[in-house]
């Protein structure tokens, strides 16, 4: 790998990790601002509730990061999206998934950032997977902002 490619990999990792820190701050801050009695709220029948969206993000973090060649830690409950509804447990699960993503990305060898992988049936690279992970969390942050505002909760950073 030439110096230009190596520098690009470093930049992608750094940008991703900075974005992850911001996402974690916003997602957890918003979760802390939403009252426990609103964690079961959903905008309509058949649509994820507040707690289900948060748990979907947490579980997806593990799933998506597994495309980077790491195993999902034992003890991760695949049904947690439907069963974990208590605010404190949801926040704990979200933070743990964020830490798992952070450590995985920090520990990736530089050369692996350009390595081929597949994610949701699509061919990509490890860098591409990082974009999917980030994009997914941003998508659901927007959803949770709408949920919060629908319940009279203003995001703490706005």
N, C-alpha and C. Protein backbone atom coordinates (compact mmCIF):
# COMPACT_ATOMS: atom_id res chain seq x y z
N UNK A 1 0.85 -1.17 0.00
CA UNK A 1 0.00 0.00 0.00
C UNK A 1 0.90 1.23 0.00
N UNK A 2 0.57 2.22 -0.86
CA UNK A 2 1.38 3.42 -0.92
C UNK A 2 1.00 4.39 0.21
N UNK A 3 1.81 5.44 0.40
CA UNK A 3 1.59 6.38 1.50
C UNK A 3 0.25 7.11 1.36
N UNK A 4 -0.14 7.42 0.11
CA UNK A 4 -1.40 8.13 -0.11
C UNK A 4 -2.59 7.27 0.31
N UNK A 5 -2.56 5.99 -0.03
CA UNK A 5 -3.63 5.08 0.35
C UNK A 5 -3.67 4.91 1.86
N UNK A 6 -2.51 4.77 2.49
CA UNK A 6 -2.46 4.61 3.95
C UNK A 6 -3.01 5.85 4.64
N UNK A 7 -2.68 7.03 4.15
CA UNK A 7 -3.18 8.27 4.74
C UNK A 7 -4.70 8.35 4.59
N UNK A 8 -5.21 7.92 3.44
CA UNK A 8 -6.65 7.92 3.21
C UNK A 8 -7.34 7.00 4.22
N UNK A 9 -6.78 5.83 4.45
CA UNK A 9 -7.36 4.91 5.43
C UNK A 9 -7.40 5.54 6.81
N UNK A 10 -6.32 6.19 7.20
CA UNK A 10 -6.28 6.85 8.49
C UNK A 10 -7.34 7.93 8.60
N UNK A 11 -7.52 8.69 7.52
CA UNK A 11 -8.52 9.76 7.52
C UNK A 11 -9.93 9.18 7.66
N UNK A 12 -10.21 8.11 6.95
CA UNK A 12 -11.53 7.49 7.03
C UNK A 12 -11.79 7.00 8.46
N UNK A 13 -10.82 6.34 9.03
CA UNK A 13 -10.98 5.84 10.40
C UNK A 13 -11.22 7.01 11.36
N UNK A 14 -10.42 8.07 11.24
CA UNK A 14 -10.54 9.21 12.13
C UNK A 14 -11.90 9.90 11.98
N UNK A 15 -12.34 10.09 10.76
CA UNK A 15 -13.64 10.71 10.52
C UNK A 15 -14.75 9.82 11.09
N UNK A 16 -14.66 8.52 10.85
CA UNK A 16 -15.67 7.60 11.38
C UNK A 16 -15.73 7.66 12.90
N UNK A 17 -14.58 7.58 13.55
CA UNK A 17 -14.55 7.57 15.01
C UNK A 17 -15.07 8.89 15.59
N UNK A 18 -14.76 10.01 14.95
CA UNK A 18 -15.30 11.30 15.40
C UNK A 18 -16.82 11.31 15.24
N UNK A 19 -17.30 10.80 14.12
CA UNK A 19 -18.74 10.73 13.88
C UNK A 19 -19.40 9.81 14.89
N UNK A 20 -18.77 8.68 15.19
CA UNK A 20 -19.30 7.75 16.17
C UNK A 20 -19.44 8.41 17.54
N UNK A 21 -18.43 9.19 17.93
CA UNK A 21 -18.50 9.89 19.21
C UNK A 21 -19.69 10.85 19.24
N UNK A 22 -19.90 11.58 18.14
CA UNK A 22 -21.02 12.51 18.06
C UNK A 22 -22.35 11.76 18.08
N UNK A 23 -22.43 10.68 17.33
CA UNK A 23 -23.65 9.87 17.32
C UNK A 23 -23.96 9.32 18.71
N UNK A 24 -22.95 8.81 19.38
CA UNK A 24 -23.18 8.26 20.72
C UNK A 24 -23.68 9.34 21.66
N UNK A 25 -23.07 10.51 21.61
CA UNK A 25 -23.48 11.62 22.47
C UNK A 25 -24.93 11.99 22.20
N UNK A 26 -25.30 12.10 20.93
CA UNK A 26 -26.66 12.50 20.58
C UNK A 26 -27.67 11.40 20.87
N UNK A 27 -27.37 10.17 20.50
CA UNK A 27 -28.31 9.07 20.74
C UNK A 27 -28.54 8.85 22.23
N UNK A 28 -27.47 8.83 23.01
CA UNK A 28 -27.64 8.60 24.45
C UNK A 28 -28.25 9.83 25.13
N UNK A 29 -27.84 11.01 24.71
CA UNK A 29 -28.41 12.23 25.29
C UNK A 29 -29.91 12.31 25.05
N UNK A 30 -30.33 11.94 23.84
CA UNK A 30 -31.75 11.95 23.52
C UNK A 30 -32.49 10.88 24.33
N UNK A 31 -31.89 9.70 24.44
CA UNK A 31 -32.50 8.63 25.23
C UNK A 31 -32.67 9.07 26.69
N UNK A 32 -31.68 9.75 27.22
CA UNK A 32 -31.76 10.22 28.60
C UNK A 32 -32.84 11.29 28.75
N UNK A 33 -33.11 12.06 27.70
CA UNK A 33 -34.11 13.12 27.76
C UNK A 33 -35.54 12.61 27.62
N UNK A 34 -35.69 11.44 27.00
CA UNK A 34 -37.04 10.88 26.79
C UNK A 34 -37.47 10.17 28.07
N UNK A 35 -38.65 10.50 28.58
CA UNK A 35 -39.12 9.84 29.81
C UNK A 35 -39.35 8.34 29.59
N UNK A 36 -39.14 7.55 30.65
CA UNK A 36 -39.35 6.10 30.58
C UNK A 36 -40.73 5.76 30.04
N UNK A 37 -41.75 6.51 30.41
CA UNK A 37 -43.10 6.18 29.98
C UNK A 37 -43.32 6.40 28.48
N UNK A 38 -42.37 7.00 27.81
CA UNK A 38 -42.46 7.20 26.36
C UNK A 38 -41.65 6.16 25.57
N UNK A 39 -40.92 5.29 26.26
CA UNK A 39 -40.11 4.29 25.57
C UNK A 39 -40.97 3.26 24.85
N UNK A 40 -42.23 3.13 25.22
CA UNK A 40 -43.14 2.23 24.54
C UNK A 40 -43.95 2.92 23.44
N UNK A 41 -43.78 4.24 23.31
CA UNK A 41 -44.54 5.00 22.32
C UNK A 41 -44.12 4.62 20.90
N UNK A 42 -45.09 4.52 20.03
CA UNK A 42 -44.82 4.28 18.61
C UNK A 42 -45.76 5.16 17.81
N UNK A 43 -45.32 5.65 16.65
CA UNK A 43 -46.16 6.57 15.87
C UNK A 43 -47.36 5.92 15.20
N UNK A 44 -47.37 4.61 15.15
CA UNK A 44 -48.49 3.92 14.53
C UNK A 44 -48.33 2.42 14.70
N UNK A 45 -49.39 1.71 14.42
CA UNK A 45 -49.38 0.26 14.51
C UNK A 45 -48.36 -0.33 13.55
N UNK A 46 -47.60 -1.30 14.03
CA UNK A 46 -46.63 -1.97 13.18
C UNK A 46 -45.32 -1.22 12.99
N UNK A 47 -45.17 -0.09 13.68
CA UNK A 47 -43.95 0.72 13.58
C UNK A 47 -43.18 0.56 14.89
N UNK A 48 -41.86 0.53 14.81
CA UNK A 48 -41.05 0.36 16.02
C UNK A 48 -41.34 1.43 17.06
N UNK A 49 -41.33 1.01 18.32
CA UNK A 49 -41.44 1.94 19.44
C UNK A 49 -40.09 2.62 19.68
N UNK A 50 -40.07 3.58 20.58
CA UNK A 50 -38.82 4.26 20.94
C UNK A 50 -37.77 3.23 21.37
N UNK A 51 -38.12 2.37 22.32
CA UNK A 51 -37.13 1.39 22.80
C UNK A 51 -36.73 0.42 21.69
N UNK A 52 -37.66 0.05 20.83
CA UNK A 52 -37.33 -0.87 19.73
C UNK A 52 -36.35 -0.24 18.74
N UNK A 53 -36.50 1.06 18.48
CA UNK A 53 -35.55 1.73 17.58
C UNK A 53 -34.16 1.73 18.20
N UNK A 54 -34.09 2.10 19.48
CA UNK A 54 -32.78 2.10 20.14
C UNK A 54 -32.15 0.71 20.15
N UNK A 55 -32.93 -0.30 20.46
CA UNK A 55 -32.38 -1.65 20.51
C UNK A 55 -32.04 -2.15 19.09
N UNK A 56 -32.79 -1.71 18.09
CA UNK A 56 -32.45 -2.04 16.71
C UNK A 56 -31.08 -1.47 16.36
N UNK A 57 -30.83 -0.23 16.76
CA UNK A 57 -29.51 0.39 16.50
C UNK A 57 -28.42 -0.41 17.21
N UNK A 58 -28.64 -0.73 18.48
CA UNK A 58 -27.63 -1.46 19.25
C UNK A 58 -27.33 -2.82 18.62
N UNK A 59 -28.37 -3.58 18.29
CA UNK A 59 -28.16 -4.90 17.70
C UNK A 59 -27.54 -4.80 16.31
N UNK A 60 -27.97 -3.82 15.54
CA UNK A 60 -27.40 -3.64 14.20
C UNK A 60 -25.93 -3.29 14.25
N UNK A 61 -25.53 -2.54 15.28
CA UNK A 61 -24.11 -2.23 15.42
C UNK A 61 -23.27 -3.50 15.47
N UNK A 62 -23.73 -4.48 16.25
CA UNK A 62 -23.01 -5.75 16.33
C UNK A 62 -23.04 -6.48 14.99
N UNK A 63 -24.20 -6.53 14.39
CA UNK A 63 -24.36 -7.23 13.11
C UNK A 63 -23.46 -6.60 12.03
N UNK A 64 -23.53 -5.29 11.89
CA UNK A 64 -22.75 -4.62 10.84
C UNK A 64 -21.24 -4.77 11.09
N UNK A 65 -20.83 -4.65 12.34
CA UNK A 65 -19.40 -4.76 12.65
C UNK A 65 -18.89 -6.17 12.40
N UNK A 66 -19.77 -7.15 12.44
CA UNK A 66 -19.33 -8.52 12.15
C UNK A 66 -18.84 -8.64 10.70
N UNK A 67 -19.24 -7.72 9.83
CA UNK A 67 -18.73 -7.73 8.45
C UNK A 67 -17.27 -7.31 8.39
N UNK A 68 -16.73 -6.83 9.51
CA UNK A 68 -15.32 -6.43 9.59
C UNK A 68 -14.46 -7.55 10.16
N UNK A 69 -14.99 -8.76 10.12
CA UNK A 69 -14.21 -9.92 10.50
C UNK A 69 -14.15 -10.21 11.99
N UNK A 70 -15.03 -9.62 12.78
CA UNK A 70 -15.05 -9.91 14.22
C UNK A 70 -16.34 -10.65 14.56
N UNK A 71 -16.28 -11.42 15.61
CA UNK A 71 -17.46 -12.17 16.05
C UNK A 71 -18.30 -11.29 16.98
N UNK A 72 -19.59 -11.47 16.88
CA UNK A 72 -20.50 -10.82 17.83
C UNK A 72 -20.23 -11.42 19.20
N UNK A 73 -20.10 -10.60 20.22
CA UNK A 73 -19.83 -11.14 21.56
C UNK A 73 -20.93 -12.11 22.00
N UNK A 74 -20.53 -13.12 22.74
CA UNK A 74 -21.53 -14.05 23.26
C UNK A 74 -22.42 -13.30 24.25
N UNK A 75 -23.64 -13.75 24.36
CA UNK A 75 -24.57 -13.13 25.29
C UNK A 75 -25.43 -12.03 24.69
N UNK A 76 -25.20 -11.69 23.42
CA UNK A 76 -26.04 -10.68 22.78
C UNK A 76 -27.37 -11.35 22.42
N UNK A 77 -28.44 -10.81 22.97
CA UNK A 77 -29.77 -11.37 22.78
C UNK A 77 -30.37 -10.84 21.48
N UNK A 78 -30.53 -11.70 20.50
CA UNK A 78 -31.07 -11.29 19.20
C UNK A 78 -32.52 -10.82 19.29
N UNK A 79 -33.21 -11.16 20.37
CA UNK A 79 -34.60 -10.73 20.56
C UNK A 79 -34.72 -9.47 21.42
N UNK A 80 -33.59 -8.86 21.73
CA UNK A 80 -33.59 -7.70 22.64
C UNK A 80 -34.41 -6.54 22.12
N UNK A 81 -34.56 -6.43 20.81
CA UNK A 81 -35.35 -5.33 20.26
C UNK A 81 -36.78 -5.37 20.80
N UNK A 82 -37.30 -6.56 21.00
CA UNK A 82 -38.68 -6.72 21.49
C UNK A 82 -38.76 -6.87 23.01
N UNK A 83 -37.66 -7.25 23.65
CA UNK A 83 -37.74 -7.58 25.08
C UNK A 83 -37.10 -6.56 26.01
N UNK A 84 -36.19 -5.74 25.52
CA UNK A 84 -35.54 -4.74 26.38
C UNK A 84 -36.26 -3.41 26.19
N UNK A 85 -36.99 -3.00 27.22
CA UNK A 85 -37.80 -1.78 27.12
C UNK A 85 -37.50 -0.77 28.22
N UNK A 86 -36.79 -1.20 29.25
CA UNK A 86 -36.46 -0.30 30.36
C UNK A 86 -35.38 0.68 29.90
N UNK A 87 -35.63 1.95 30.11
CA UNK A 87 -34.74 3.02 29.67
C UNK A 87 -33.27 2.77 30.04
N UNK A 88 -32.99 2.46 31.29
CA UNK A 88 -31.61 2.26 31.73
C UNK A 88 -30.95 1.10 30.98
N UNK A 89 -31.69 0.03 30.75
CA UNK A 89 -31.15 -1.14 30.04
C UNK A 89 -30.93 -0.82 28.56
N UNK A 90 -31.84 -0.04 27.98
CA UNK A 90 -31.70 0.36 26.58
C UNK A 90 -30.43 1.20 26.41
N UNK A 91 -30.25 2.18 27.30
CA UNK A 91 -29.07 3.05 27.22
C UNK A 91 -27.79 2.23 27.44
N UNK A 92 -27.83 1.32 28.38
CA UNK A 92 -26.67 0.45 28.65
C UNK A 92 -26.32 -0.38 27.40
N UNK A 93 -27.33 -0.94 26.75
CA UNK A 93 -27.11 -1.75 25.55
C UNK A 93 -26.56 -0.90 24.41
N UNK A 94 -27.10 0.30 24.26
CA UNK A 94 -26.63 1.19 23.21
C UNK A 94 -25.16 1.55 23.43
N UNK A 95 -24.82 1.95 24.64
CA UNK A 95 -23.44 2.32 24.96
C UNK A 95 -22.48 1.15 24.75
N UNK A 96 -22.89 -0.04 25.16
CA UNK A 96 -22.03 -1.22 24.98
C UNK A 96 -21.79 -1.49 23.50
N UNK A 97 -22.82 -1.34 22.68
CA UNK A 97 -22.66 -1.58 21.24
C UNK A 97 -21.75 -0.53 20.62
N UNK A 98 -21.87 0.70 21.07
CA UNK A 98 -21.01 1.77 20.56
C UNK A 98 -19.55 1.50 20.93
N UNK A 99 -19.33 1.05 22.14
CA UNK A 99 -17.96 0.74 22.57
C UNK A 99 -17.40 -0.43 21.77
N UNK A 100 -18.23 -1.41 21.47
CA UNK A 100 -17.79 -2.54 20.65
C UNK A 100 -17.39 -2.07 19.24
N UNK A 101 -18.21 -1.20 18.66
CA UNK A 101 -17.88 -0.65 17.35
C UNK A 101 -16.56 0.13 17.43
N UNK A 102 -16.45 1.00 18.42
CA UNK A 102 -15.26 1.85 18.58
C UNK A 102 -13.99 0.99 18.69
N UNK A 103 -14.01 0.01 19.57
CA UNK A 103 -12.82 -0.82 19.77
C UNK A 103 -12.49 -1.63 18.52
N UNK A 104 -13.50 -2.14 17.86
CA UNK A 104 -13.27 -2.90 16.63
C UNK A 104 -12.58 -2.03 15.59
N UNK A 105 -13.09 -0.83 15.39
CA UNK A 105 -12.53 0.06 14.36
C UNK A 105 -11.13 0.52 14.75
N UNK A 106 -10.92 0.83 16.01
CA UNK A 106 -9.58 1.23 16.47
C UNK A 106 -8.56 0.11 16.27
N UNK A 107 -9.00 -1.13 16.44
CA UNK A 107 -8.09 -2.27 16.35
C UNK A 107 -7.88 -2.81 14.94
N UNK A 108 -8.59 -2.29 13.97
CA UNK A 108 -8.42 -2.78 12.59
C UNK A 108 -7.05 -2.42 12.07
N UNK A 109 -6.36 -3.38 11.51
CA UNK A 109 -5.10 -3.05 10.84
C UNK A 109 -5.38 -2.08 9.68
N UNK A 110 -4.51 -1.16 9.46
CA UNK A 110 -4.70 -0.14 8.42
C UNK A 110 -5.01 -0.76 7.06
N UNK A 111 -4.29 -1.81 6.72
CA UNK A 111 -4.49 -2.45 5.41
C UNK A 111 -5.89 -3.04 5.26
N UNK A 112 -6.52 -3.42 6.37
CA UNK A 112 -7.84 -4.03 6.31
C UNK A 112 -8.93 -3.05 5.89
N UNK A 113 -8.69 -1.76 6.03
CA UNK A 113 -9.72 -0.79 5.65
C UNK A 113 -10.09 -0.90 4.17
N UNK A 114 -9.19 -1.44 3.37
CA UNK A 114 -9.44 -1.58 1.92
C UNK A 114 -9.81 -3.02 1.55
N UNK A 115 -9.93 -3.86 2.54
CA UNK A 115 -10.24 -5.26 2.33
C UNK A 115 -11.70 -5.43 1.88
N UNK A 116 -11.94 -6.40 1.02
CA UNK A 116 -13.28 -6.68 0.53
C UNK A 116 -14.10 -7.41 1.58
N UNK A 117 -15.37 -7.10 1.62
CA UNK A 117 -16.32 -7.78 2.50
C UNK A 117 -17.70 -7.67 1.87
N UNK A 118 -18.67 -8.32 2.46
CA UNK A 118 -20.05 -8.14 2.00
C UNK A 118 -20.89 -7.75 3.20
N UNK A 119 -21.88 -6.94 2.92
CA UNK A 119 -22.76 -6.45 3.96
C UNK A 119 -24.16 -6.37 3.37
N UNK A 120 -25.07 -7.11 3.97
CA UNK A 120 -26.44 -7.19 3.50
C UNK A 120 -26.52 -7.58 2.02
N UNK A 121 -25.69 -8.54 1.64
CA UNK A 121 -25.71 -9.06 0.28
C UNK A 121 -25.00 -8.21 -0.76
N UNK A 122 -24.40 -7.12 -0.34
CA UNK A 122 -23.69 -6.23 -1.25
C UNK A 122 -22.19 -6.33 -1.01
N UNK A 123 -21.43 -6.30 -2.09
CA UNK A 123 -19.98 -6.29 -1.97
C UNK A 123 -19.51 -4.87 -1.65
N UNK A 124 -18.58 -4.76 -0.73
CA UNK A 124 -18.04 -3.47 -0.34
C UNK A 124 -16.64 -3.69 0.23
N UNK A 125 -16.11 -2.68 0.85
CA UNK A 125 -14.84 -2.79 1.57
C UNK A 125 -15.12 -2.50 3.04
N UNK A 126 -14.12 -2.68 3.87
CA UNK A 126 -14.29 -2.35 5.28
C UNK A 126 -14.64 -0.86 5.42
N UNK A 127 -13.99 0.00 4.61
CA UNK A 127 -14.34 1.42 4.64
C UNK A 127 -15.81 1.62 4.27
N UNK A 128 -16.26 0.92 3.26
CA UNK A 128 -17.66 1.01 2.86
C UNK A 128 -18.59 0.58 3.97
N UNK A 129 -18.20 -0.46 4.70
CA UNK A 129 -19.00 -0.92 5.83
C UNK A 129 -19.09 0.16 6.91
N UNK A 130 -18.00 0.88 7.11
CA UNK A 130 -18.03 1.97 8.10
C UNK A 130 -19.06 3.03 7.69
N UNK A 131 -19.14 3.31 6.40
CA UNK A 131 -20.14 4.27 5.92
C UNK A 131 -21.55 3.76 6.15
N UNK A 132 -21.77 2.47 5.94
CA UNK A 132 -23.09 1.88 6.19
C UNK A 132 -23.44 1.98 7.67
N UNK A 133 -22.50 1.65 8.53
CA UNK A 133 -22.73 1.70 9.98
C UNK A 133 -23.11 3.13 10.39
N UNK A 134 -22.34 4.09 9.95
CA UNK A 134 -22.61 5.49 10.28
C UNK A 134 -23.95 5.94 9.71
N UNK A 135 -24.19 5.63 8.46
CA UNK A 135 -25.45 6.03 7.81
C UNK A 135 -26.66 5.44 8.52
N UNK A 136 -26.55 4.20 8.94
CA UNK A 136 -27.65 3.54 9.64
C UNK A 136 -27.96 4.25 10.95
N UNK A 137 -26.92 4.58 11.71
CA UNK A 137 -27.16 5.26 12.98
C UNK A 137 -27.74 6.66 12.76
N UNK A 138 -27.26 7.36 11.72
CA UNK A 138 -27.81 8.69 11.43
C UNK A 138 -29.28 8.60 11.04
N UNK A 139 -29.62 7.59 10.25
CA UNK A 139 -31.01 7.39 9.85
C UNK A 139 -31.91 7.27 11.08
N UNK A 140 -31.49 6.44 12.03
CA UNK A 140 -32.33 6.21 13.19
C UNK A 140 -32.24 7.34 14.21
N UNK A 141 -31.16 8.10 14.21
CA UNK A 141 -31.12 9.31 15.04
C UNK A 141 -32.20 10.27 14.55
N UNK A 142 -32.31 10.45 13.25
CA UNK A 142 -33.37 11.30 12.71
C UNK A 142 -34.75 10.81 13.09
N UNK A 143 -34.94 9.51 13.02
CA UNK A 143 -36.22 8.92 13.40
C UNK A 143 -36.51 9.20 14.87
N UNK A 144 -35.51 9.02 15.72
CA UNK A 144 -35.71 9.23 17.15
C UNK A 144 -35.92 10.70 17.50
N UNK A 145 -35.32 11.60 16.73
CA UNK A 145 -35.59 13.03 16.93
C UNK A 145 -37.06 13.31 16.65
N UNK A 146 -37.58 12.75 15.56
CA UNK A 146 -39.00 12.93 15.23
C UNK A 146 -39.88 12.33 16.32
N UNK A 147 -39.53 11.14 16.81
CA UNK A 147 -40.28 10.51 17.90
C UNK A 147 -40.28 11.42 19.14
N UNK A 148 -39.09 11.91 19.49
CA UNK A 148 -38.97 12.75 20.69
C UNK A 148 -39.82 14.01 20.55
N UNK A 149 -39.69 14.68 19.43
CA UNK A 149 -40.45 15.93 19.22
C UNK A 149 -41.95 15.67 19.21
N UNK A 150 -42.36 14.52 18.70
CA UNK A 150 -43.78 14.16 18.71
C UNK A 150 -44.30 14.00 20.14
N UNK A 151 -43.38 13.77 21.06
CA UNK A 151 -43.73 13.59 22.46
C UNK A 151 -43.33 14.79 23.32
N UNK A 152 -43.05 15.91 22.68
CA UNK A 152 -42.72 17.13 23.41
C UNK A 152 -41.34 17.18 23.99
N UNK A 153 -40.45 16.31 23.52
CA UNK A 153 -39.07 16.28 24.03
C UNK A 153 -38.17 16.97 23.01
N UNK A 154 -37.43 17.98 23.47
CA UNK A 154 -36.50 18.71 22.61
C UNK A 154 -35.14 18.06 22.74
N UNK A 155 -34.49 17.73 21.61
CA UNK A 155 -33.14 17.16 21.70
C UNK A 155 -32.23 18.09 22.50
N UNK A 156 -31.45 17.55 23.43
CA UNK A 156 -30.65 18.37 24.33
C UNK A 156 -29.63 19.27 23.65
N UNK A 157 -29.17 18.93 22.48
CA UNK A 157 -28.16 19.72 21.80
C UNK A 157 -28.75 20.83 20.93
N UNK A 158 -30.08 20.85 20.75
CA UNK A 158 -30.65 21.86 19.85
C UNK A 158 -31.11 23.10 20.57
